[in-house]
Protein backbone atom coordinates (compact mmCIF):
# COMPACT_ATOMS: atom_id res chain seq x y z
CA UNK A 1 54.12 11.46 -34.10
CA UNK A 2 51.69 8.00 -34.30
CA UNK A 3 50.59 8.77 -30.99
CA UNK A 4 49.88 12.58 -31.82
CA UNK A 5 47.78 11.62 -34.60
CA UNK A 6 45.67 9.10 -32.57
CA UNK A 7 44.89 12.03 -29.84
CA UNK A 8 43.92 14.16 -32.76
CA UNK A 9 41.63 11.64 -34.15
CA UNK A 10 40.17 10.91 -30.78
CA UNK A 11 39.31 14.64 -30.18
CA UNK A 12 37.52 15.19 -33.36
CA UNK A 13 35.60 12.01 -32.65
CA UNK A 14 34.60 13.65 -29.34
CA UNK A 15 33.73 16.96 -30.78
CA UNK A 16 31.49 15.00 -33.46
CA UNK A 17 29.44 13.34 -30.60
CA UNK A 18 29.10 16.57 -28.91
CA UNK A 19 27.64 17.87 -32.10
CA UNK A 20 25.52 15.24 -32.60
CA UNK A 21 24.18 15.48 -28.99
CA UNK A 22 23.60 18.77 -29.11
CA UNK A 23 21.62 18.28 -32.87
CA UNK A 24 19.86 15.63 -30.93
CA UNK A 25 19.11 17.89 -28.11
CA UNK A 26 17.67 20.55 -30.17
CA UNK A 27 15.43 18.39 -31.95
CA UNK A 28 13.99 16.18 -29.17
CA UNK A 29 10.16 16.18 -29.26
CA UNK A 30 8.82 18.68 -26.47
CA UNK A 31 12.03 20.38 -25.54
CA UNK A 32 11.05 24.05 -26.78
CA UNK A 33 7.52 23.42 -25.34
CA UNK A 34 8.87 22.47 -21.60
CA UNK A 35 11.35 25.60 -21.86
CA UNK A 36 8.38 27.85 -22.59
CA UNK A 37 6.43 26.02 -19.86
CA UNK A 38 9.30 26.62 -17.35
CA UNK A 39 9.46 30.29 -18.24
CA UNK A 40 5.48 31.18 -18.23
CA UNK A 41 5.37 29.59 -14.71
CA UNK A 42 8.54 31.59 -13.52
CA UNK A 43 10.37 28.20 -12.81
CA UNK A 44 14.04 29.38 -13.30
CA UNK A 45 15.27 27.62 -10.21
CA UNK A 46 14.47 24.47 -11.45
CA UNK A 47 15.05 24.82 -15.20
CA UNK A 48 18.14 23.03 -15.32
CA UNK A 49 16.15 20.04 -13.99
CA UNK A 50 13.85 20.39 -16.75
CA UNK A 51 16.55 20.55 -19.19
CA UNK A 52 17.87 17.23 -18.21
CA UNK A 53 14.75 15.57 -18.33
CA UNK A 54 13.78 17.01 -21.71
CA UNK A 55 17.35 15.68 -23.00
CA UNK A 56 16.13 12.58 -22.70
CA UNK A 57 13.49 11.70 -25.71
CA UNK A 58 11.86 8.58 -24.14
CA UNK A 59 10.50 10.70 -21.39
CA UNK A 60 7.46 12.90 -22.05
CA UNK A 61 5.24 15.20 -19.97
CA UNK A 62 1.87 15.84 -21.85
CA UNK A 63 0.84 18.27 -19.33
CA UNK A 64 2.55 21.09 -17.96
CA UNK A 65 4.76 20.77 -14.71
CA UNK A 66 3.17 23.27 -12.33
CA UNK A 67 5.75 23.84 -9.15
CA UNK A 68 4.53 25.14 -5.74
CA UNK A 69 5.99 25.75 -2.43
CA UNK A 70 5.88 22.58 -0.20
CA UNK A 71 4.15 24.33 2.28
CA UNK A 72 1.11 25.13 0.39
CA UNK A 73 0.42 21.22 -0.20
CA UNK A 74 1.32 20.13 3.34
CA UNK A 75 -1.01 19.83 6.24
CA UNK A 76 -0.75 19.06 10.04
CA UNK A 77 -4.41 17.60 9.63
CA UNK A 78 -6.61 15.21 7.51
CA UNK A 79 -10.00 13.70 7.46
CA UNK A 80 -10.28 9.85 6.10
CA UNK A 81 -13.38 8.76 4.53
CA UNK A 82 -14.09 5.16 3.53
CA UNK A 83 -16.52 4.43 0.78
CA UNK A 84 -19.86 2.59 1.46
CA UNK A 85 -21.50 -0.17 -0.47
CA UNK A 86 -23.90 1.42 -2.64
CA UNK A 87 -22.04 4.45 -3.29
CA UNK A 88 -21.26 7.49 -0.74
CA UNK A 89 -18.53 8.13 1.91
CA UNK A 90 -18.50 8.00 5.58
CA UNK A 91 -16.16 9.44 8.06
CA UNK A 92 -13.49 6.83 9.32
CA UNK A 93 -11.10 8.92 11.29
CA UNK A 94 -9.49 12.48 11.78
CA UNK A 95 -5.75 12.54 12.23
CA UNK A 96 -3.87 15.42 13.38
CA UNK A 97 0.18 15.77 13.60
CA UNK A 98 1.85 18.55 15.92
CA UNK A 99 3.19 19.84 12.47
CA UNK A 100 2.69 19.36 8.95
CA UNK A 101 3.15 16.14 7.67
CA UNK A 102 0.42 15.14 5.23
CA UNK A 103 1.02 15.99 1.80
CA UNK A 104 -1.51 16.17 -0.77
CA UNK A 105 -1.75 13.25 -3.32
CA UNK A 106 -0.57 13.81 -6.89
CA UNK A 107 2.49 16.07 -5.36
CA UNK A 108 6.38 15.01 -5.39
CA UNK A 109 9.11 17.10 -3.84
CA UNK A 110 11.50 18.27 -6.70
CA UNK A 111 15.12 18.62 -5.64
CA UNK A 112 18.42 19.69 -7.25
CA UNK A 113 19.38 16.08 -8.98
CA UNK A 114 23.20 17.04 -9.19
CA UNK A 115 23.30 18.12 -5.46
CA UNK A 116 24.56 14.94 -3.21
CA UNK A 117 22.12 13.55 -0.60
CA UNK A 118 22.77 13.92 2.78
CA UNK A 119 22.62 10.87 4.98
CA UNK A 120 21.11 11.53 8.40
CA UNK A 121 21.52 8.95 10.96
CA UNK A 122 19.20 9.13 14.13
CA UNK A 123 21.62 9.06 17.06
CA UNK A 124 19.40 7.62 19.62
CA UNK A 125 19.89 4.03 21.00
CA UNK A 126 16.18 3.48 20.32
CA UNK A 127 15.62 4.71 16.71
CA UNK A 128 15.49 1.28 15.24
CA UNK A 129 12.70 0.01 17.52
CA UNK A 130 10.91 3.37 17.03
CA UNK A 131 10.97 2.84 13.25
CA UNK A 132 9.82 -0.80 13.61
CA UNK A 133 6.62 0.30 15.75
CA UNK A 134 6.10 2.90 13.03
CA UNK A 135 6.31 0.54 10.35
CA UNK A 136 4.17 -2.10 12.04
CA UNK A 137 1.27 0.72 13.01
CA UNK A 138 1.48 1.83 9.40
CA UNK A 139 0.79 -1.61 8.08
CA UNK A 140 -1.94 -2.28 10.53
CA UNK A 141 -3.65 1.26 9.42
CA UNK A 142 -3.40 0.11 5.84
CA UNK A 143 -4.95 -3.42 6.39
CA UNK A 144 -7.85 -1.75 8.60
CA UNK A 145 -8.31 0.78 5.79
CA UNK A 146 -8.66 -1.89 3.32
CA UNK A 147 -11.34 -3.96 5.02
CA UNK A 148 -13.32 -0.87 6.01
CA UNK A 149 -13.19 0.43 2.19
CA UNK A 150 -14.17 -2.98 0.76
CA UNK A 151 -17.27 -4.22 2.62
CA UNK A 152 -17.89 -6.79 -0.53
CA UNK A 153 -14.98 -8.69 1.29
CA UNK A 154 -17.32 -11.04 2.90
CA UNK A 155 -15.02 -14.07 3.64
CA UNK A 156 -12.29 -15.03 6.13
CA UNK A 157 -10.36 -18.01 5.37
CA UNK A 158 -7.25 -19.63 6.60
CA UNK A 159 -5.03 -21.55 4.14
CA UNK A 160 -2.24 -24.22 5.27
CA UNK A 161 -0.10 -26.17 3.44
CA UNK A 162 -0.13 -30.15 3.16
CA UNK A 163 3.48 -31.92 3.66
CA UNK A 164 2.58 -33.62 0.70
CA UNK A 165 2.10 -30.82 -1.42
CA UNK A 166 4.94 -28.67 -0.29
CA UNK A 167 8.57 -30.02 0.30
CA UNK A 168 9.17 -27.59 3.33
CA UNK A 169 6.15 -26.20 5.16
CA UNK A 170 8.44 -23.73 7.11
CA UNK A 171 9.92 -22.48 3.55
CA UNK A 172 8.01 -19.25 2.96
CA UNK A 173 9.49 -18.41 -0.69
CA UNK A 174 8.03 -22.06 -1.45
CA UNK A 175 4.58 -21.39 0.20
CA UNK A 176 4.50 -17.99 -0.89
CA UNK A 177 5.04 -19.18 -4.56
CA UNK A 178 2.09 -21.53 -4.53
CA UNK A 179 -0.08 -18.92 -2.66
CA UNK A 180 0.45 -16.17 -5.31
CA UNK A 181 0.02 -18.48 -8.25
CA UNK A 182 -3.42 -19.08 -6.67
CA UNK A 183 -4.58 -15.57 -5.76
CA UNK A 184 -2.90 -14.02 -8.95
CA UNK A 185 -5.07 -16.24 -11.31
CA UNK A 186 -8.34 -15.44 -9.37
CA UNK A 187 -7.59 -11.96 -9.42
CA UNK A 188 -7.15 -11.75 -13.04
CA UNK A 189 -10.11 -14.34 -13.85
CA UNK A 190 -12.84 -13.37 -11.01
CA UNK A 191 -11.99 -10.18 -9.47
CA UNK A 192 -10.71 -11.27 -6.45
CA UNK A 193 -9.78 -8.79 -3.50
CA UNK A 194 -7.86 -10.02 -0.58
CA UNK A 195 -6.04 -8.77 2.45
CA UNK A 196 -3.56 -11.42 3.74
CA UNK A 197 -1.22 -11.49 6.84
CA UNK A 198 1.37 -14.55 6.84
CA UNK A 199 1.49 -16.44 10.06
CA UNK A 200 4.23 -18.94 11.51
CA UNK A 201 2.82 -21.60 13.77
CA UNK A 202 4.72 -22.69 16.78
CA UNK A 203 6.29 -25.71 15.02
CA UNK A 204 7.56 -22.77 12.08
CA UNK A 205 5.04 -23.69 9.63
CA UNK A 206 3.51 -21.08 7.20
CA UNK A 207 -0.10 -20.66 6.84
CA UNK A 208 -2.16 -17.43 5.81
CA UNK A 209 -5.19 -15.47 7.23
CA UNK A 210 -7.34 -13.70 4.67
CA UNK A 211 -9.95 -11.70 4.07
CA UNK A 212 -11.49 -11.37 0.40
CA UNK A 213 -14.81 -11.75 -1.63
CA UNK A 214 -16.19 -14.81 -1.73
CA UNK A 215 -17.08 -15.04 -5.35
CA UNK A 216 -13.30 -14.26 -6.02
CA UNK A 217 -12.01 -17.26 -4.43
CA UNK A 218 -14.15 -19.93 -6.52
CA UNK A 219 -16.18 -22.91 -5.30
CA UNK A 220 -17.10 -23.46 -1.52
CA UNK A 221 -17.95 -26.45 0.14
CA UNK A 222 -19.42 -26.85 3.64
CA UNK A 223 -16.61 -28.14 5.84
CA UNK A 224 -17.65 -31.92 7.11
CA UNK A 225 -16.29 -33.39 10.36
CA UNK A 226 -14.68 -36.85 9.67
CA UNK A 227 -15.46 -38.09 13.20
CA UNK A 228 -19.36 -37.18 13.14
CA UNK A 229 -20.10 -36.29 9.39
CA UNK A 230 -21.70 -33.37 10.52
CA UNK A 231 -21.09 -29.40 9.18
CA UNK A 232 -18.50 -28.25 10.99
CA UNK A 233 -19.32 -24.53 12.88
CA UNK A 234 -17.65 -21.64 14.53
CA UNK A 235 -18.88 -21.47 18.10
CA UNK A 236 -21.92 -23.75 17.21
CA UNK A 237 -23.41 -20.93 15.19
CA UNK A 238 -21.50 -20.19 11.78
CA UNK A 239 -21.31 -22.90 9.21
CA UNK A 240 -17.49 -23.01 8.23
CA UNK A 241 -16.44 -23.98 4.56
CA UNK A 242 -13.44 -25.21 2.58
CA UNK A 243 -12.11 -23.88 -0.48
CA UNK A 244 -12.56 -26.49 -3.24
CA UNK A 245 -9.82 -25.10 -5.23
CA UNK A 246 -7.12 -24.62 -2.72
CA UNK A 247 -4.98 -28.06 -3.47
CA UNK A 248 -2.07 -27.37 -1.44
CA UNK A 249 -3.55 -28.22 2.08
CA UNK A 250 -5.87 -27.67 4.44
CA UNK A 251 -8.52 -24.56 4.22
CA UNK A 252 -11.41 -22.97 6.18
CA UNK A 253 -13.77 -20.16 5.91
CA UNK A 254 -16.56 -18.46 7.06
CA UNK A 255 -18.75 -15.49 5.97
CA UNK A 256 -18.02 -12.42 7.63
CA UNK A 257 -21.82 -11.34 7.37
CA UNK A 258 -24.92 -13.50 6.92
CA UNK A 259 -27.22 -12.28 3.99
CA UNK A 260 -30.01 -11.47 6.34
CA UNK A 261 -27.90 -8.76 8.40
CA UNK A 262 -27.57 -5.34 7.52
CA UNK A 263 -24.07 -3.52 6.72
CA UNK A 264 -23.90 -2.49 10.49
CA UNK A 265 -22.52 -5.88 11.46
CA UNK A 266 -19.93 -5.68 9.01
CA UNK A 267 -17.70 -3.12 11.10
CA UNK A 268 -18.32 -4.99 14.35
CA UNK A 269 -17.04 -8.46 12.69
CA UNK A 270 -14.27 -6.94 10.68
CA UNK A 271 -12.83 -5.18 13.63
CA UNK A 272 -12.66 -8.50 15.27
CA UNK A 273 -11.06 -10.20 11.98
CA UNK A 274 -8.94 -7.37 11.91
CA UNK A 275 -7.66 -7.55 15.83
CA UNK A 276 -7.33 -11.28 14.95
CA UNK A 277 -4.76 -10.88 12.01
CA UNK A 278 -3.26 -7.92 13.61
CA UNK A 279 -1.69 -10.04 16.13
CA UNK A 280 0.20 -11.82 13.22
CA UNK A 281 1.93 -8.37 12.28
CA UNK A 282 4.03 -7.86 14.87
CA UNK A 283 6.90 -9.28 12.89
CA UNK A 284 7.65 -9.71 9.30
CA UNK A 285 7.07 -13.32 7.85
CA UNK A 286 8.98 -13.19 4.61
CA UNK A 287 10.12 -9.72 4.77
CA UNK A 288 6.22 -9.01 4.67
CA UNK A 289 3.74 -7.83 7.34
CA UNK A 290 0.80 -7.96 4.84
CA UNK A 291 -0.27 -9.06 1.28
CA UNK A 292 -3.15 -6.95 -0.50
CA UNK A 293 -4.10 -7.49 -4.06
CA UNK A 294 -7.31 -6.98 -6.65
CA UNK A 295 -9.21 -3.85 -7.28
CA UNK A 296 -9.31 -2.55 -3.49
CA UNK A 297 -11.12 0.59 -3.13
CA UNK A 298 -8.77 3.07 -1.06
CA UNK A 299 -9.99 5.77 1.52
CA UNK A 300 -10.73 9.57 0.36
CA UNK A 301 -8.88 12.55 2.00
CA UNK A 302 -9.56 16.02 2.69
CA UNK A 303 -6.65 18.07 4.22
CA UNK A 304 -6.75 21.05 6.51
CA UNK A 305 -4.22 22.84 8.89
CA UNK A 306 -5.67 22.03 12.04
CA UNK A 307 -8.39 19.15 13.19
CA UNK A 308 -10.73 21.60 14.51
CA UNK A 309 -11.57 22.82 10.95
CA UNK A 310 -13.59 19.39 10.42
CA UNK A 311 -17.06 19.55 11.93
CA UNK A 312 -19.09 16.46 12.38
CA UNK A 313 -22.00 15.58 14.49
CA UNK A 314 -20.68 12.00 14.58
CA UNK A 315 -19.90 10.20 17.86
CA UNK A 316 -15.95 9.58 18.43
CA UNK A 317 -15.75 5.83 19.23
CA UNK A 318 -12.30 5.88 20.60
CA UNK A 319 -9.06 8.50 20.31
CA UNK A 320 -5.37 7.23 20.25
CA UNK A 321 -2.37 9.55 21.14
CA UNK A 322 1.02 8.76 20.23
CA UNK A 323 4.08 10.40 20.89
CA UNK A 324 6.62 9.66 17.85
CA UNK A 325 9.80 11.50 18.45
CA UNK A 326 11.06 14.93 19.57
CA UNK A 327 8.14 17.35 19.64
CA UNK A 328 6.36 15.13 16.79
CA UNK A 329 2.99 13.71 18.44
CA UNK A 330 0.12 12.12 16.38
CA UNK A 331 -3.87 11.97 17.43
CA UNK A 332 -6.70 10.26 15.57
CA UNK A 333 -10.28 10.25 16.48
CA UNK A 334 -11.70 7.24 15.18
CA UNK A 335 -15.86 7.19 14.03
CA UNK A 336 -16.40 3.90 13.11
């Protein structure tokens, strides 16, 4: 008798919870509006997803959800434009895949949240190596885009660590902790922008190569040789500097372009420096290929179904072709 009474009380409690949940569901802000929006655009196939979202009162969608077929916002080609100093854009490259791969910005694929996700394994023995090469290629492309889109990053610097400043120069976590504090402080206070690649010396010590805007890192002092007392210069031409505020070890820096040069010199020097730091990105150091921060400008994209739709009088500097997997291939024409 006692057990039966407890079961009856538990059933009434569950029923009460269900009623409260239903009332909360009906009174949740935005519920009716979202249902009306879904009916207006004919989204019956995803109405259950909207119902799930709207039942969470902490989530709100001030703008209507627009659903379109994925194929209408996925393309096989795109033109990549980089911003230039003083405003405007210039064509950086045209990319073409053998099938639609590029999805326009601002869209996400909506799937049935209740359906189990299938795990697809690549049976090829070379799959891991291919994935690694693609990850490295993407990291290098992101670094190159960041450099070419931010021509105010006019300083190339190398930061190392002193055994007196850190307990273990080969410990990436310890070295990164000090670097992150240094960079974050200057991003917030001075508008620092940077692209940074970690590297290990032959002895296993951590150091970092960085391209950044000079005013963001603080005071620079001419590097003086301790043996001759003269200013150190790169190849006897460019003066070298030290970052005065870097207190964890040795630093060296040089300007990418001199003030008397025009902007055309930036491309040549930036490519050389990218090639220099790119050799360090063939393996992860501390789980990272690259560190980037600050208010970096990004490329602008224009999409098409075929690269032939883009017309330009610019000369192609070089072309790259990559066979990815199966029938999927990639071609890129570079204009800078």
